[in-house]
């Protein structure tokens, strides 16, 4: 046998964005809420993630404002 074959099921295919991006952010958020321990490197990486997400939020809000403005 080569590996494990897929079992028959009726579930729909999973969305990669939801699994990789949203799922990861959700797991990290829950770990923070639970009070899990993180080392200094992890804290630094979380701060970078926060900066990038804040920049994304600002850019998206700016674009949405342009869409909402009457021309």
N, C-alpha and C. Protein backbone atom coordinates (compact mmCIF):
# COMPACT_ATOMS: atom_id res chain seq x y z
N UNK A 1 0.85 -1.17 0.00
CA UNK A 1 0.00 0.00 0.00
C UNK A 1 0.90 1.23 0.00
N UNK A 2 0.52 2.22 -0.80
CA UNK A 2 1.26 3.48 -0.85
C UNK A 2 0.45 4.55 -0.15
N UNK A 3 0.77 4.83 1.07
CA UNK A 3 0.07 5.86 1.82
C UNK A 3 -1.33 5.44 2.21
N UNK A 4 -2.16 6.41 2.45
CA UNK A 4 -3.54 6.17 2.84
C UNK A 4 -4.47 6.77 1.79
N UNK A 5 -5.35 5.96 1.24
CA UNK A 5 -6.29 6.50 0.25
C UNK A 5 -7.34 7.37 0.93
N UNK A 6 -7.92 8.25 0.15
CA UNK A 6 -8.98 9.12 0.68
C UNK A 6 -10.20 8.28 1.03
N UNK A 7 -10.79 8.57 2.17
CA UNK A 7 -12.02 7.89 2.55
C UNK A 7 -13.19 8.56 1.85
N UNK A 8 -14.22 7.80 1.65
CA UNK A 8 -15.41 8.38 1.04
C UNK A 8 -16.11 9.25 2.07
N UNK A 9 -16.45 10.44 1.63
CA UNK A 9 -17.22 11.34 2.50
C UNK A 9 -18.02 12.29 1.62
N UNK A 10 -18.89 13.03 2.26
CA UNK A 10 -19.75 13.95 1.53
C UNK A 10 -19.37 15.40 1.80
N UNK A 11 -18.22 15.62 2.42
CA UNK A 11 -17.83 16.99 2.74
C UNK A 11 -17.35 17.71 1.49
N UNK A 12 -17.46 19.01 1.51
CA UNK A 12 -17.02 19.80 0.36
C UNK A 12 -15.54 20.12 0.51
N UNK A 13 -14.89 20.45 -0.59
CA UNK A 13 -13.45 20.78 -0.51
C UNK A 13 -13.21 21.97 0.42
N UNK A 14 -12.06 21.97 1.08
CA UNK A 14 -11.73 23.03 2.03
C UNK A 14 -11.08 24.20 1.30
N UNK A 15 -11.33 25.38 1.77
CA UNK A 15 -10.77 26.60 1.22
C UNK A 15 -9.37 26.81 1.80
N UNK A 16 -8.37 26.93 0.95
CA UNK A 16 -6.98 27.06 1.40
C UNK A 16 -6.78 28.32 2.23
N UNK A 17 -7.36 29.44 1.83
CA UNK A 17 -7.22 30.69 2.58
C UNK A 17 -7.77 30.53 3.99
N UNK A 18 -8.92 29.90 4.11
CA UNK A 18 -9.53 29.70 5.42
C UNK A 18 -8.66 28.80 6.30
N UNK A 19 -8.10 27.76 5.71
CA UNK A 19 -7.29 26.83 6.48
C UNK A 19 -5.96 27.46 6.90
N UNK A 20 -5.24 28.03 5.95
CA UNK A 20 -3.89 28.52 6.22
C UNK A 20 -3.86 29.87 6.93
N UNK A 21 -4.61 30.82 6.43
CA UNK A 21 -4.50 32.19 6.96
C UNK A 21 -5.46 32.40 8.12
N UNK A 22 -6.74 32.27 7.85
CA UNK A 22 -7.71 32.54 8.91
C UNK A 22 -7.59 31.55 10.06
N UNK A 23 -7.38 30.29 9.73
CA UNK A 23 -7.23 29.28 10.78
C UNK A 23 -6.03 29.56 11.67
N UNK A 24 -4.93 29.94 11.06
CA UNK A 24 -3.72 30.26 11.82
C UNK A 24 -3.91 31.45 12.74
N UNK A 25 -4.54 32.49 12.22
CA UNK A 25 -4.78 33.68 13.03
C UNK A 25 -5.75 33.35 14.18
N UNK A 26 -6.76 32.55 13.88
CA UNK A 26 -7.71 32.17 14.92
C UNK A 26 -7.03 31.35 16.02
N UNK A 27 -6.17 30.40 15.64
CA UNK A 27 -5.47 29.59 16.64
C UNK A 27 -4.55 30.45 17.50
N UNK A 28 -3.86 31.39 16.88
CA UNK A 28 -2.98 32.28 17.63
C UNK A 28 -3.78 33.16 18.58
N UNK A 29 -4.90 33.68 18.10
CA UNK A 29 -5.77 34.50 18.95
C UNK A 29 -6.24 33.72 20.17
N UNK A 30 -6.67 32.50 19.94
CA UNK A 30 -7.13 31.67 21.06
C UNK A 30 -5.99 31.36 22.03
N UNK A 31 -4.80 31.12 21.52
CA UNK A 31 -3.66 30.85 22.39
C UNK A 31 -3.35 32.06 23.26
N UNK A 32 -3.45 33.25 22.69
CA UNK A 32 -3.23 34.47 23.47
C UNK A 32 -4.31 34.63 24.55
N UNK A 33 -5.55 34.36 24.17
CA UNK A 33 -6.66 34.48 25.13
C UNK A 33 -6.54 33.47 26.27
N UNK A 34 -6.02 32.28 25.96
CA UNK A 34 -5.84 31.25 27.00
C UNK A 34 -4.67 31.57 27.92
N UNK A 35 -3.78 32.44 27.47
CA UNK A 35 -2.62 32.78 28.28
C UNK A 35 -1.43 31.88 28.04
N UNK A 36 -1.36 31.25 26.86
CA UNK A 36 -0.22 30.39 26.53
C UNK A 36 1.09 31.19 26.59
N UNK A 37 2.18 30.52 26.91
CA UNK A 37 3.49 31.16 26.97
C UNK A 37 4.09 31.27 25.57
N UNK A 38 4.83 32.35 25.33
CA UNK A 38 5.54 32.57 24.07
C UNK A 38 6.91 33.13 24.38
N UNK A 39 7.92 32.71 23.61
CA UNK A 39 9.26 33.24 23.82
C UNK A 39 9.40 34.62 23.16
N UNK A 40 10.57 35.23 23.34
CA UNK A 40 10.80 36.59 22.84
C UNK A 40 10.71 36.66 21.31
N UNK A 41 11.23 35.63 20.64
CA UNK A 41 11.16 35.59 19.17
C UNK A 41 9.71 35.55 18.70
N UNK A 42 8.91 34.74 19.35
CA UNK A 42 7.49 34.66 18.98
C UNK A 42 6.77 35.98 19.22
N UNK A 43 7.09 36.63 20.33
CA UNK A 43 6.49 37.93 20.62
C UNK A 43 6.87 38.94 19.55
N UNK A 44 8.12 38.94 19.13
CA UNK A 44 8.58 39.83 18.07
C UNK A 44 7.82 39.56 16.77
N UNK A 45 7.65 38.29 16.43
CA UNK A 45 6.92 37.93 15.22
C UNK A 45 5.45 38.32 15.30
N UNK A 46 4.85 38.18 16.48
CA UNK A 46 3.45 38.59 16.65
C UNK A 46 3.32 40.10 16.49
N UNK A 47 4.29 40.86 16.97
CA UNK A 47 4.25 42.31 16.81
C UNK A 47 4.37 42.69 15.33
N UNK A 48 5.22 41.98 14.59
CA UNK A 48 5.32 42.23 13.15
C UNK A 48 4.00 41.89 12.44
N UNK A 49 3.40 40.79 12.83
CA UNK A 49 2.11 40.42 12.26
C UNK A 49 1.07 41.49 12.55
N UNK A 50 1.05 41.99 13.78
CA UNK A 50 0.11 43.05 14.14
C UNK A 50 0.32 44.29 13.27
N UNK A 51 1.59 44.66 13.04
CA UNK A 51 1.88 45.82 12.19
C UNK A 51 1.39 45.60 10.76
N UNK A 52 1.62 44.42 10.24
CA UNK A 52 1.21 44.13 8.87
C UNK A 52 -0.31 44.10 8.73
N UNK A 53 -0.98 43.51 9.73
CA UNK A 53 -2.43 43.48 9.69
C UNK A 53 -3.03 44.88 9.86
N UNK A 54 -2.38 45.71 10.67
CA UNK A 54 -2.84 47.09 10.83
C UNK A 54 -2.67 47.87 9.54
N UNK A 55 -1.55 47.67 8.84
CA UNK A 55 -1.33 48.33 7.56
C UNK A 55 -2.35 47.85 6.53
N UNK A 56 -2.63 46.56 6.53
CA UNK A 56 -3.65 46.01 5.63
C UNK A 56 -5.01 46.64 5.93
N UNK A 57 -5.36 46.72 7.21
CA UNK A 57 -6.64 47.30 7.61
C UNK A 57 -6.76 48.75 7.13
N UNK A 58 -5.70 49.52 7.31
CA UNK A 58 -5.72 50.93 6.88
C UNK A 58 -5.85 51.03 5.36
N UNK A 59 -5.11 50.20 4.63
CA UNK A 59 -5.17 50.24 3.17
C UNK A 59 -6.55 49.84 2.66
N UNK A 60 -7.12 48.80 3.25
CA UNK A 60 -8.46 48.35 2.84
C UNK A 60 -9.50 49.42 3.16
N UNK A 61 -9.42 50.02 4.33
CA UNK A 61 -10.37 51.07 4.71
C UNK A 61 -10.27 52.26 3.76
N UNK A 62 -9.05 52.61 3.36
CA UNK A 62 -8.87 53.73 2.43
C UNK A 62 -9.50 53.42 1.07
N UNK A 63 -9.30 52.21 0.59
CA UNK A 63 -9.90 51.82 -0.69
C UNK A 63 -11.41 51.77 -0.62
N UNK A 64 -11.93 51.26 0.50
CA UNK A 64 -13.39 51.22 0.65
C UNK A 64 -13.98 52.61 0.70
N UNK A 65 -13.26 53.54 1.30
CA UNK A 65 -13.72 54.93 1.35
C UNK A 65 -13.81 55.50 -0.05
N UNK A 66 -12.85 55.18 -0.91
CA UNK A 66 -12.89 55.66 -2.30
C UNK A 66 -14.09 55.09 -3.04
N UNK A 67 -14.41 53.85 -2.78
CA UNK A 67 -15.56 53.21 -3.44
C UNK A 67 -16.86 53.84 -2.99
N UNK A 68 -16.95 54.18 -1.72
CA UNK A 68 -18.18 54.72 -1.15
C UNK A 68 -18.43 56.17 -1.52
N UNK A 69 -17.39 56.90 -1.93
CA UNK A 69 -17.54 58.31 -2.27
C UNK A 69 -18.22 58.46 -3.62
N UNK A 70 -19.24 59.33 -3.69
CA UNK A 70 -19.88 59.58 -4.99
C UNK A 70 -18.91 60.33 -5.92
N UNK A 71 -18.96 60.01 -7.19
CA UNK A 71 -18.07 60.68 -8.15
C UNK A 71 -18.77 61.78 -8.90
